mmCIF file of all heavy atoms, coordinates in Angstrom:
data_MODEL
# 
_entry.id   MODEL 
# 
loop_
_atom_site.group_PDB 
_atom_site.id 
_atom_site.type_symbol 
_atom_site.label_atom_id 
_atom_site.label_alt_id 
_atom_site.label_comp_id 
_atom_site.label_asym_id 
_atom_site.label_entity_id 
_atom_site.label_seq_id 
_atom_site.pdbx_PDB_ins_code 
_atom_site.Cartn_x 
_atom_site.Cartn_y 
_atom_site.Cartn_z 
_atom_site.occupancy 
_atom_site.B_iso_or_equiv 
_atom_site.pdbx_formal_charge 
_atom_site.auth_seq_id 
_atom_site.auth_comp_id 
_atom_site.auth_asym_id 
_atom_site.auth_atom_id 
_atom_site.pdbx_PDB_model_num 
ATOM 1   N N   . PHE A 1 1  ? -105.418 113.570 -154.335 1.00 0.00 ? 1  PHE A N   1 
ATOM 2   C CA  . PHE A 1 1  ? -105.764 113.057 -152.986 1.00 0.00 ? 1  PHE A CA  1 
ATOM 3   C C   . PHE A 1 1  ? -104.594 112.719 -152.131 1.00 0.00 ? 1  PHE A C   1 
ATOM 4   O O   . PHE A 1 1  ? -104.724 112.767 -150.910 1.00 0.00 ? 1  PHE A O   1 
ATOM 5   C CB  . PHE A 1 1  ? -106.677 111.768 -153.149 1.00 0.00 ? 1  PHE A CB  1 
ATOM 6   C CG  . PHE A 1 1  ? -105.915 110.498 -153.581 1.00 0.00 ? 1  PHE A CG  1 
ATOM 7   C CD1 . PHE A 1 1  ? -105.530 109.567 -152.629 1.00 0.00 ? 1  PHE A CD1 1 
ATOM 8   C CD2 . PHE A 1 1  ? -105.556 110.307 -154.880 1.00 0.00 ? 1  PHE A CD2 1 
ATOM 9   C CE1 . PHE A 1 1  ? -104.876 108.416 -152.970 1.00 0.00 ? 1  PHE A CE1 1 
ATOM 10  C CE2 . PHE A 1 1  ? -104.836 109.210 -155.289 1.00 0.00 ? 1  PHE A CE2 1 
ATOM 11  C CZ  . PHE A 1 1  ? -104.516 108.247 -154.385 1.00 0.00 ? 1  PHE A CZ  1 
ATOM 12  N N   . CYS A 1 2  ? -103.381 112.409 -152.710 1.00 0.00 ? 2  CYS A N   1 
ATOM 13  C CA  . CYS A 1 2  ? -102.278 112.085 -151.886 1.00 0.00 ? 2  CYS A CA  1 
ATOM 14  C C   . CYS A 1 2  ? -101.114 113.101 -151.955 1.00 0.00 ? 2  CYS A C   1 
ATOM 15  O O   . CYS A 1 2  ? -100.030 112.753 -151.663 1.00 0.00 ? 2  CYS A O   1 
ATOM 16  C CB  . CYS A 1 2  ? -101.773 110.686 -152.130 1.00 0.00 ? 2  CYS A CB  1 
ATOM 17  S SG  . CYS A 1 2  ? -101.182 110.464 -153.788 1.00 0.00 ? 2  CYS A SG  1 
ATOM 18  N N   . SER A 1 3  ? -101.474 114.297 -152.266 1.00 0.00 ? 3  SER A N   1 
ATOM 19  C CA  . SER A 1 3  ? -100.479 115.411 -152.325 1.00 0.00 ? 3  SER A CA  1 
ATOM 20  C C   . SER A 1 3  ? -100.689 116.397 -151.241 1.00 0.00 ? 3  SER A C   1 
ATOM 21  O O   . SER A 1 3  ? -101.614 117.242 -151.267 1.00 0.00 ? 3  SER A O   1 
ATOM 22  C CB  . SER A 1 3  ? -100.545 116.113 -153.698 1.00 0.00 ? 3  SER A CB  1 
ATOM 23  O OG  . SER A 1 3  ? -99.774  117.271 -153.692 1.00 0.00 ? 3  SER A OG  1 
ATOM 24  N N   . PRO A 1 4  ? -99.845  116.309 -150.199 1.00 0.00 ? 4  PRO A N   1 
ATOM 25  C CA  . PRO A 1 4  ? -99.960  117.233 -149.071 1.00 0.00 ? 4  PRO A CA  1 
ATOM 26  C C   . PRO A 1 4  ? -99.793  118.726 -149.551 1.00 0.00 ? 4  PRO A C   1 
ATOM 27  O O   . PRO A 1 4  ? -100.501 119.579 -149.045 1.00 0.00 ? 4  PRO A O   1 
ATOM 28  C CB  . PRO A 1 4  ? -98.891  116.879 -148.071 1.00 0.00 ? 4  PRO A CB  1 
ATOM 29  C CG  . PRO A 1 4  ? -98.508  115.526 -148.464 1.00 0.00 ? 4  PRO A CG  1 
ATOM 30  C CD  . PRO A 1 4  ? -98.833  115.316 -149.916 1.00 0.00 ? 4  PRO A CD  1 
ATOM 31  N N   . ASN A 1 5  ? -98.830  118.857 -150.482 1.00 0.00 ? 5  ASN A N   1 
ATOM 32  C CA  . ASN A 1 5  ? -98.669  120.264 -150.952 1.00 0.00 ? 5  ASN A CA  1 
ATOM 33  C C   . ASN A 1 5  ? -99.815  120.704 -151.861 1.00 0.00 ? 5  ASN A C   1 
ATOM 34  O O   . ASN A 1 5  ? -100.223 121.928 -151.813 1.00 0.00 ? 5  ASN A O   1 
ATOM 35  C CB  . ASN A 1 5  ? -97.334  120.332 -151.790 1.00 0.00 ? 5  ASN A CB  1 
ATOM 36  C CG  . ASN A 1 5  ? -96.146  120.423 -150.958 1.00 0.00 ? 5  ASN A CG  1 
ATOM 37  O OD1 . ASN A 1 5  ? -96.171  120.956 -149.803 1.00 0.00 ? 5  ASN A OD1 1 
ATOM 38  N ND2 . ASN A 1 5  ? -95.035  119.795 -151.400 1.00 0.00 ? 5  ASN A ND2 1 
ATOM 39  N N   . GLY A 1 6  ? -100.457 119.837 -152.565 1.00 0.00 ? 6  GLY A N   1 
ATOM 40  C CA  . GLY A 1 6  ? -101.642 120.161 -153.294 1.00 0.00 ? 6  GLY A CA  1 
ATOM 41  C C   . GLY A 1 6  ? -102.879 120.568 -152.431 1.00 0.00 ? 6  GLY A C   1 
ATOM 42  O O   . GLY A 1 6  ? -103.496 121.505 -152.635 1.00 0.00 ? 6  GLY A O   1 
ATOM 43  N N   . LEU A 1 7  ? -102.952 119.798 -151.268 1.00 0.00 ? 7  LEU A N   1 
ATOM 44  C CA  . LEU A 1 7  ? -103.978 120.160 -150.269 1.00 0.00 ? 7  LEU A CA  1 
ATOM 45  C C   . LEU A 1 7  ? -103.738 121.571 -149.644 1.00 0.00 ? 7  LEU A C   1 
ATOM 46  O O   . LEU A 1 7  ? -104.689 122.350 -149.551 1.00 0.00 ? 7  LEU A O   1 
ATOM 47  C CB  . LEU A 1 7  ? -104.060 119.051 -149.211 1.00 0.00 ? 7  LEU A CB  1 
ATOM 48  C CG  . LEU A 1 7  ? -104.999 119.303 -147.987 1.00 0.00 ? 7  LEU A CG  1 
ATOM 49  C CD1 . LEU A 1 7  ? -106.429 119.465 -148.527 1.00 0.00 ? 7  LEU A CD1 1 
ATOM 50  C CD2 . LEU A 1 7  ? -104.805 118.208 -147.055 1.00 0.00 ? 7  LEU A CD2 1 
ATOM 51  N N   . THR A 1 8  ? -102.491 121.832 -149.394 1.00 0.00 ? 8  THR A N   1 
ATOM 52  C CA  . THR A 1 8  ? -102.196 123.110 -148.782 1.00 0.00 ? 8  THR A CA  1 
ATOM 53  C C   . THR A 1 8  ? -102.400 124.247 -149.784 1.00 0.00 ? 8  THR A C   1 
ATOM 54  O O   . THR A 1 8  ? -102.976 125.260 -149.420 1.00 0.00 ? 8  THR A O   1 
ATOM 55  C CB  . THR A 1 8  ? -100.712 123.118 -148.286 1.00 0.00 ? 8  THR A CB  1 
ATOM 56  O OG1 . THR A 1 8  ? -100.510 122.063 -147.384 1.00 0.00 ? 8  THR A OG1 1 
ATOM 57  C CG2 . THR A 1 8  ? -100.358 124.467 -147.650 1.00 0.00 ? 8  THR A CG2 1 
ATOM 58  N N   . LEU A 1 9  ? -102.065 123.994 -151.007 1.00 0.00 ? 9  LEU A N   1 
ATOM 59  C CA  . LEU A 1 9  ? -102.345 124.983 -152.124 1.00 0.00 ? 9  LEU A CA  1 
ATOM 60  C C   . LEU A 1 9  ? -103.847 125.156 -152.201 1.00 0.00 ? 9  LEU A C   1 
ATOM 61  O O   . LEU A 1 9  ? -104.341 126.388 -152.282 1.00 0.00 ? 9  LEU A O   1 
ATOM 62  C CB  . LEU A 1 9  ? -101.751 124.426 -153.419 1.00 0.00 ? 9  LEU A CB  1 
ATOM 63  C CG  . LEU A 1 9  ? -102.133 125.327 -154.670 1.00 0.00 ? 9  LEU A CG  1 
ATOM 64  C CD1 . LEU A 1 9  ? -101.570 126.746 -154.459 1.00 0.00 ? 9  LEU A CD1 1 
ATOM 65  C CD2 . LEU A 1 9  ? -101.439 124.668 -155.915 1.00 0.00 ? 9  LEU A CD2 1 
ATOM 66  N N   . ALA A 1 10 ? -104.643 124.132 -152.215 1.00 0.00 ? 10 ALA A N   1 
ATOM 67  C CA  . ALA A 1 10 ? -106.107 124.292 -152.251 1.00 0.00 ? 10 ALA A CA  1 
ATOM 68  C C   . ALA A 1 10 ? -106.649 125.077 -151.095 1.00 0.00 ? 10 ALA A C   1 
ATOM 69  O O   . ALA A 1 10 ? -107.556 125.922 -151.232 1.00 0.00 ? 10 ALA A O   1 
ATOM 70  C CB  . ALA A 1 10 ? -106.718 122.894 -152.328 1.00 0.00 ? 10 ALA A CB  1 
ATOM 71  N N   . SER A 1 11 ? -106.147 124.817 -149.912 1.00 0.00 ? 11 SER A N   1 
ATOM 72  C CA  . SER A 1 11 ? -106.526 125.460 -148.736 1.00 0.00 ? 11 SER A CA  1 
ATOM 73  C C   . SER A 1 11 ? -106.139 126.971 -148.848 1.00 0.00 ? 11 SER A C   1 
ATOM 74  O O   . SER A 1 11 ? -107.011 127.823 -148.467 1.00 0.00 ? 11 SER A O   1 
ATOM 75  C CB  . SER A 1 11 ? -105.830 124.894 -147.482 1.00 0.00 ? 11 SER A CB  1 
ATOM 76  O OG  . SER A 1 11 ? -106.211 125.596 -146.321 1.00 0.00 ? 11 SER A OG  1 
ATOM 77  N N   . LYS A 1 12 ? -104.966 127.323 -149.275 1.00 0.00 ? 12 LYS A N   1 
ATOM 78  C CA  . LYS A 1 12 ? -104.560 128.717 -149.433 1.00 0.00 ? 12 LYS A CA  1 
ATOM 79  C C   . LYS A 1 12 ? -105.551 129.423 -150.376 1.00 0.00 ? 12 LYS A C   1 
ATOM 80  O O   . LYS A 1 12 ? -105.867 130.588 -150.244 1.00 0.00 ? 12 LYS A O   1 
ATOM 81  C CB  . LYS A 1 12 ? -103.148 128.835 -149.842 1.00 0.00 ? 12 LYS A CB  1 
ATOM 82  C CG  . LYS A 1 12 ? -102.087 128.305 -148.871 1.00 0.00 ? 12 LYS A CG  1 
ATOM 83  C CD  . LYS A 1 12 ? -101.966 129.184 -147.662 1.00 0.00 ? 12 LYS A CD  1 
ATOM 84  C CE  . LYS A 1 12 ? -100.844 128.685 -146.763 1.00 0.00 ? 12 LYS A CE  1 
ATOM 85  N NZ  . LYS A 1 12 ? -100.759 129.365 -145.474 1.00 0.00 ? 12 LYS A NZ  1 
ATOM 86  N N   . MET A 1 13 ? -105.823 128.733 -151.495 1.00 0.00 ? 13 MET A N   1 
ATOM 87  C CA  . MET A 1 13 ? -106.605 129.293 -152.515 1.00 0.00 ? 13 MET A CA  1 
ATOM 88  C C   . MET A 1 13 ? -108.121 129.499 -151.993 1.00 0.00 ? 13 MET A C   1 
ATOM 89  O O   . MET A 1 13 ? -108.643 130.590 -152.208 1.00 0.00 ? 13 MET A O   1 
ATOM 90  C CB  . MET A 1 13 ? -106.702 128.484 -153.786 1.00 0.00 ? 13 MET A CB  1 
ATOM 91  C CG  . MET A 1 13 ? -107.366 129.086 -154.994 1.00 0.00 ? 13 MET A CG  1 
ATOM 92  S SD  . MET A 1 13 ? -106.431 130.587 -155.628 1.00 0.00 ? 13 MET A SD  1 
ATOM 93  C CE  . MET A 1 13 ? -105.017 129.747 -156.429 1.00 0.00 ? 13 MET A CE  1 
ATOM 94  N N   . SER A 1 14 ? -108.571 128.572 -151.308 1.00 0.00 ? 14 SER A N   1 
ATOM 95  C CA  . SER A 1 14 ? -109.877 128.659 -150.655 1.00 0.00 ? 14 SER A CA  1 
ATOM 96  C C   . SER A 1 14 ? -110.032 129.847 -149.699 1.00 0.00 ? 14 SER A C   1 
ATOM 97  O O   . SER A 1 14 ? -110.960 130.618 -149.673 1.00 0.00 ? 14 SER A O   1 
ATOM 98  C CB  . SER A 1 14 ? -110.299 127.365 -149.999 1.00 0.00 ? 14 SER A CB  1 
ATOM 99  O OG  . SER A 1 14 ? -111.609 127.445 -149.554 1.00 0.00 ? 14 SER A OG  1 
ATOM 100 N N   . LYS A 1 15 ? -108.931 130.063 -148.914 1.00 0.00 ? 15 LYS A N   1 
ATOM 101 C CA  . LYS A 1 15 ? -108.918 131.191 -147.942 1.00 0.00 ? 15 LYS A CA  1 
ATOM 102 C C   . LYS A 1 15 ? -108.914 132.550 -148.732 1.00 0.00 ? 15 LYS A C   1 
ATOM 103 O O   . LYS A 1 15 ? -109.529 133.431 -148.278 1.00 0.00 ? 15 LYS A O   1 
ATOM 104 C CB  . LYS A 1 15 ? -107.690 131.002 -147.036 1.00 0.00 ? 15 LYS A CB  1 
ATOM 105 C CG  . LYS A 1 15 ? -107.916 129.955 -145.977 1.00 0.00 ? 15 LYS A CG  1 
ATOM 106 C CD  . LYS A 1 15 ? -106.776 129.837 -145.073 1.00 0.00 ? 15 LYS A CD  1 
ATOM 107 C CE  . LYS A 1 15 ? -106.972 128.610 -144.153 1.00 0.00 ? 15 LYS A CE  1 
ATOM 108 N NZ  . LYS A 1 15 ? -105.715 128.312 -143.335 1.00 0.00 ? 15 LYS A NZ  1 
ATOM 109 N N   . ALA A 1 16 ? -108.070 132.590 -149.767 1.00 0.00 ? 16 ALA A N   1 
ATOM 110 C CA  . ALA A 1 16 ? -108.060 133.804 -150.581 1.00 0.00 ? 16 ALA A CA  1 
ATOM 111 C C   . ALA A 1 16 ? -109.491 134.160 -151.192 1.00 0.00 ? 16 ALA A C   1 
ATOM 112 O O   . ALA A 1 16 ? -109.905 135.277 -151.241 1.00 0.00 ? 16 ALA A O   1 
ATOM 113 C CB  . ALA A 1 16 ? -107.015 133.694 -151.680 1.00 0.00 ? 16 ALA A CB  1 
ATOM 114 N N   . PHE A 1 17 ? -110.163 133.104 -151.621 1.00 0.00 ? 17 PHE A N   1 
ATOM 115 C CA  . PHE A 1 17 ? -111.522 133.269 -152.196 1.00 0.00 ? 17 PHE A CA  1 
ATOM 116 C C   . PHE A 1 17 ? -112.498 133.675 -151.105 1.00 0.00 ? 17 PHE A C   1 
ATOM 117 O O   . PHE A 1 17 ? -113.402 134.541 -151.346 1.00 0.00 ? 17 PHE A O   1 
ATOM 118 C CB  . PHE A 1 17 ? -111.967 132.056 -152.914 1.00 0.00 ? 17 PHE A CB  1 
ATOM 119 C CG  . PHE A 1 17 ? -111.643 132.022 -154.429 1.00 0.00 ? 17 PHE A CG  1 
ATOM 120 C CD1 . PHE A 1 17 ? -110.383 132.055 -154.834 1.00 0.00 ? 17 PHE A CD1 1 
ATOM 121 C CD2 . PHE A 1 17 ? -112.655 132.117 -155.314 1.00 0.00 ? 17 PHE A CD2 1 
ATOM 122 C CE1 . PHE A 1 17 ? -110.075 132.037 -156.160 1.00 0.00 ? 17 PHE A CE1 1 
ATOM 123 C CE2 . PHE A 1 17 ? -112.391 132.181 -156.717 1.00 0.00 ? 17 PHE A CE2 1 
ATOM 124 C CZ  . PHE A 1 17 ? -111.108 132.164 -157.146 1.00 0.00 ? 17 PHE A CZ  1 
ATOM 125 N N   . ALA A 1 18 ? -112.417 133.057 -149.925 1.00 0.00 ? 18 ALA A N   1 
ATOM 126 C CA  . ALA A 1 18 ? -113.315 133.429 -148.841 1.00 0.00 ? 18 ALA A CA  1 
ATOM 127 C C   . ALA A 1 18 ? -113.166 134.904 -148.428 1.00 0.00 ? 18 ALA A C   1 
ATOM 128 O O   . ALA A 1 18 ? -114.093 135.608 -148.159 1.00 0.00 ? 18 ALA A O   1 
ATOM 129 C CB  . ALA A 1 18 ? -113.085 132.557 -147.639 1.00 0.00 ? 18 ALA A CB  1 
ATOM 130 N N   . LYS A 1 19 ? -111.929 135.360 -148.545 1.00 0.00 ? 19 LYS A N   1 
ATOM 131 C CA  . LYS A 1 19 ? -111.598 136.805 -148.170 1.00 0.00 ? 19 LYS A CA  1 
ATOM 132 C C   . LYS A 1 19 ? -112.120 137.653 -149.312 1.00 0.00 ? 19 LYS A C   1 
ATOM 133 O O   . LYS A 1 19 ? -112.738 138.747 -149.016 1.00 0.00 ? 19 LYS A O   1 
ATOM 134 C CB  . LYS A 1 19 ? -110.102 136.982 -148.085 1.00 0.00 ? 19 LYS A CB  1 
ATOM 135 C CG  . LYS A 1 19 ? -109.613 138.338 -147.770 1.00 0.00 ? 19 LYS A CG  1 
ATOM 136 C CD  . LYS A 1 19 ? -108.115 138.379 -147.668 1.00 0.00 ? 19 LYS A CD  1 
ATOM 137 C CE  . LYS A 1 19 ? -107.541 139.823 -147.719 1.00 0.00 ? 19 LYS A CE  1 
ATOM 138 N NZ  . LYS A 1 19 ? -106.134 139.754 -147.753 1.00 0.00 ? 19 LYS A NZ  1 
ATOM 139 N N   . ALA A 1 20 ? -111.879 137.317 -150.554 1.00 0.00 ? 20 ALA A N   1 
ATOM 140 C CA  . ALA A 1 20 ? -112.251 138.173 -151.735 1.00 0.00 ? 20 ALA A CA  1 
ATOM 141 C C   . ALA A 1 20 ? -113.738 138.157 -151.996 1.00 0.00 ? 20 ALA A C   1 
ATOM 142 O O   . ALA A 1 20 ? -114.308 139.140 -152.431 1.00 0.00 ? 20 ALA A O   1 
ATOM 143 C CB  . ALA A 1 20 ? -111.456 137.723 -152.999 1.00 0.00 ? 20 ALA A CB  1 
ATOM 144 N N   . PHE A 1 21 ? -114.368 137.049 -151.782 1.00 0.00 ? 21 PHE A N   1 
ATOM 145 C CA  . PHE A 1 21 ? -115.774 136.792 -152.099 1.00 0.00 ? 21 PHE A CA  1 
ATOM 146 C C   . PHE A 1 21 ? -116.602 136.243 -150.897 1.00 0.00 ? 21 PHE A C   1 
ATOM 147 O O   . PHE A 1 21 ? -117.022 135.114 -150.990 1.00 0.00 ? 21 PHE A O   1 
ATOM 148 C CB  . PHE A 1 21 ? -115.849 135.843 -153.322 1.00 0.00 ? 21 PHE A CB  1 
ATOM 149 C CG  . PHE A 1 21 ? -114.994 136.308 -154.505 1.00 0.00 ? 21 PHE A CG  1 
ATOM 150 C CD1 . PHE A 1 21 ? -113.913 135.574 -154.888 1.00 0.00 ? 21 PHE A CD1 1 
ATOM 151 C CD2 . PHE A 1 21 ? -115.290 137.498 -155.163 1.00 0.00 ? 21 PHE A CD2 1 
ATOM 152 C CE1 . PHE A 1 21 ? -113.171 135.996 -155.986 1.00 0.00 ? 21 PHE A CE1 1 
ATOM 153 C CE2 . PHE A 1 21 ? -114.575 137.883 -156.236 1.00 0.00 ? 21 PHE A CE2 1 
ATOM 154 C CZ  . PHE A 1 21 ? -113.449 137.149 -156.669 1.00 0.00 ? 21 PHE A CZ  1 
ATOM 155 N N   . PRO A 1 22 ? -116.665 136.982 -149.847 1.00 0.00 ? 22 PRO A N   1 
ATOM 156 C CA  . PRO A 1 22 ? -117.328 136.404 -148.627 1.00 0.00 ? 22 PRO A CA  1 
ATOM 157 C C   . PRO A 1 22 ? -118.777 136.016 -148.766 1.00 0.00 ? 22 PRO A C   1 
ATOM 158 O O   . PRO A 1 22 ? -119.282 135.192 -147.997 1.00 0.00 ? 22 PRO A O   1 
ATOM 159 C CB  . PRO A 1 22 ? -117.147 137.530 -147.613 1.00 0.00 ? 22 PRO A CB  1 
ATOM 160 C CG  . PRO A 1 22 ? -117.000 138.795 -148.468 1.00 0.00 ? 22 PRO A CG  1 
ATOM 161 C CD  . PRO A 1 22 ? -116.285 138.348 -149.704 1.00 0.00 ? 22 PRO A CD  1 
ATOM 162 N N   . ASP A 1 23 ? -119.431 136.578 -149.805 1.00 0.00 ? 23 ASP A N   1 
ATOM 163 C CA  . ASP A 1 23 ? -120.848 136.289 -149.943 1.00 0.00 ? 23 ASP A CA  1 
ATOM 164 C C   . ASP A 1 23 ? -121.086 135.036 -150.924 1.00 0.00 ? 23 ASP A C   1 
ATOM 165 O O   . ASP A 1 23 ? -122.220 134.654 -151.093 1.00 0.00 ? 23 ASP A O   1 
ATOM 166 C CB  . ASP A 1 23 ? -121.582 137.425 -150.529 1.00 0.00 ? 23 ASP A CB  1 
ATOM 167 C CG  . ASP A 1 23 ? -121.580 138.603 -149.570 1.00 0.00 ? 23 ASP A CG  1 
ATOM 168 O OD1 . ASP A 1 23 ? -121.535 138.351 -148.344 1.00 0.00 ? 23 ASP A OD1 1 
ATOM 169 O OD2 . ASP A 1 23 ? -121.667 139.762 -149.981 1.00 0.00 ? 23 ASP A OD2 1 
ATOM 170 N N   . GLN A 1 24 ? -120.009 134.535 -151.473 1.00 0.00 ? 24 GLN A N   1 
ATOM 171 C CA  . GLN A 1 24 ? -120.177 133.359 -152.354 1.00 0.00 ? 24 GLN A CA  1 
ATOM 172 C C   . GLN A 1 24 ? -120.034 132.037 -151.482 1.00 0.00 ? 24 GLN A C   1 
ATOM 173 O O   . GLN A 1 24 ? -119.370 131.969 -150.548 1.00 0.00 ? 24 GLN A O   1 
ATOM 174 C CB  . GLN A 1 24 ? -119.032 133.363 -153.407 1.00 0.00 ? 24 GLN A CB  1 
ATOM 175 C CG  . GLN A 1 24 ? -119.112 134.591 -154.309 1.00 0.00 ? 24 GLN A CG  1 
ATOM 176 C CD  . GLN A 1 24 ? -120.431 134.708 -155.117 1.00 0.00 ? 24 GLN A CD  1 
ATOM 177 O OE1 . GLN A 1 24 ? -120.833 133.747 -155.644 1.00 0.00 ? 24 GLN A OE1 1 
ATOM 178 N NE2 . GLN A 1 24 ? -120.972 135.929 -155.129 1.00 0.00 ? 24 GLN A NE2 1 
ATOM 179 N N   . ARG A 1 25 ? -120.722 131.057 -151.949 1.00 0.00 ? 25 ARG A N   1 
ATOM 180 C CA  . ARG A 1 25 ? -120.755 129.742 -151.327 1.00 0.00 ? 25 ARG A CA  1 
ATOM 181 C C   . ARG A 1 25 ? -119.404 128.963 -151.479 1.00 0.00 ? 25 ARG A C   1 
ATOM 182 O O   . ARG A 1 25 ? -118.960 128.865 -152.641 1.00 0.00 ? 25 ARG A O   1 
ATOM 183 C CB  . ARG A 1 25 ? -121.878 128.835 -151.813 1.00 0.00 ? 25 ARG A CB  1 
ATOM 184 C CG  . ARG A 1 25 ? -121.981 127.533 -151.191 1.00 0.00 ? 25 ARG A CG  1 
ATOM 185 C CD  . ARG A 1 25 ? -123.075 126.732 -151.704 1.00 0.00 ? 25 ARG A CD  1 
ATOM 186 N NE  . ARG A 1 25 ? -122.995 125.372 -151.122 1.00 0.00 ? 25 ARG A NE  1 
ATOM 187 C CZ  . ARG A 1 25 ? -123.407 124.307 -151.742 1.00 0.00 ? 25 ARG A CZ  1 
ATOM 188 N NH1 . ARG A 1 25 ? -123.892 124.373 -152.919 1.00 0.00 ? 25 ARG A NH1 1 
ATOM 189 N NH2 . ARG A 1 25 ? -123.290 123.136 -151.116 1.00 0.00 ? 25 ARG A NH2 1 
# 
């Protein structure tokens, strides 16, 4: 919760998944 770098990493991973799996929730 208090790691800005962890949040950025989560965001980058989420964007990669949205690109790779656009039909997944």
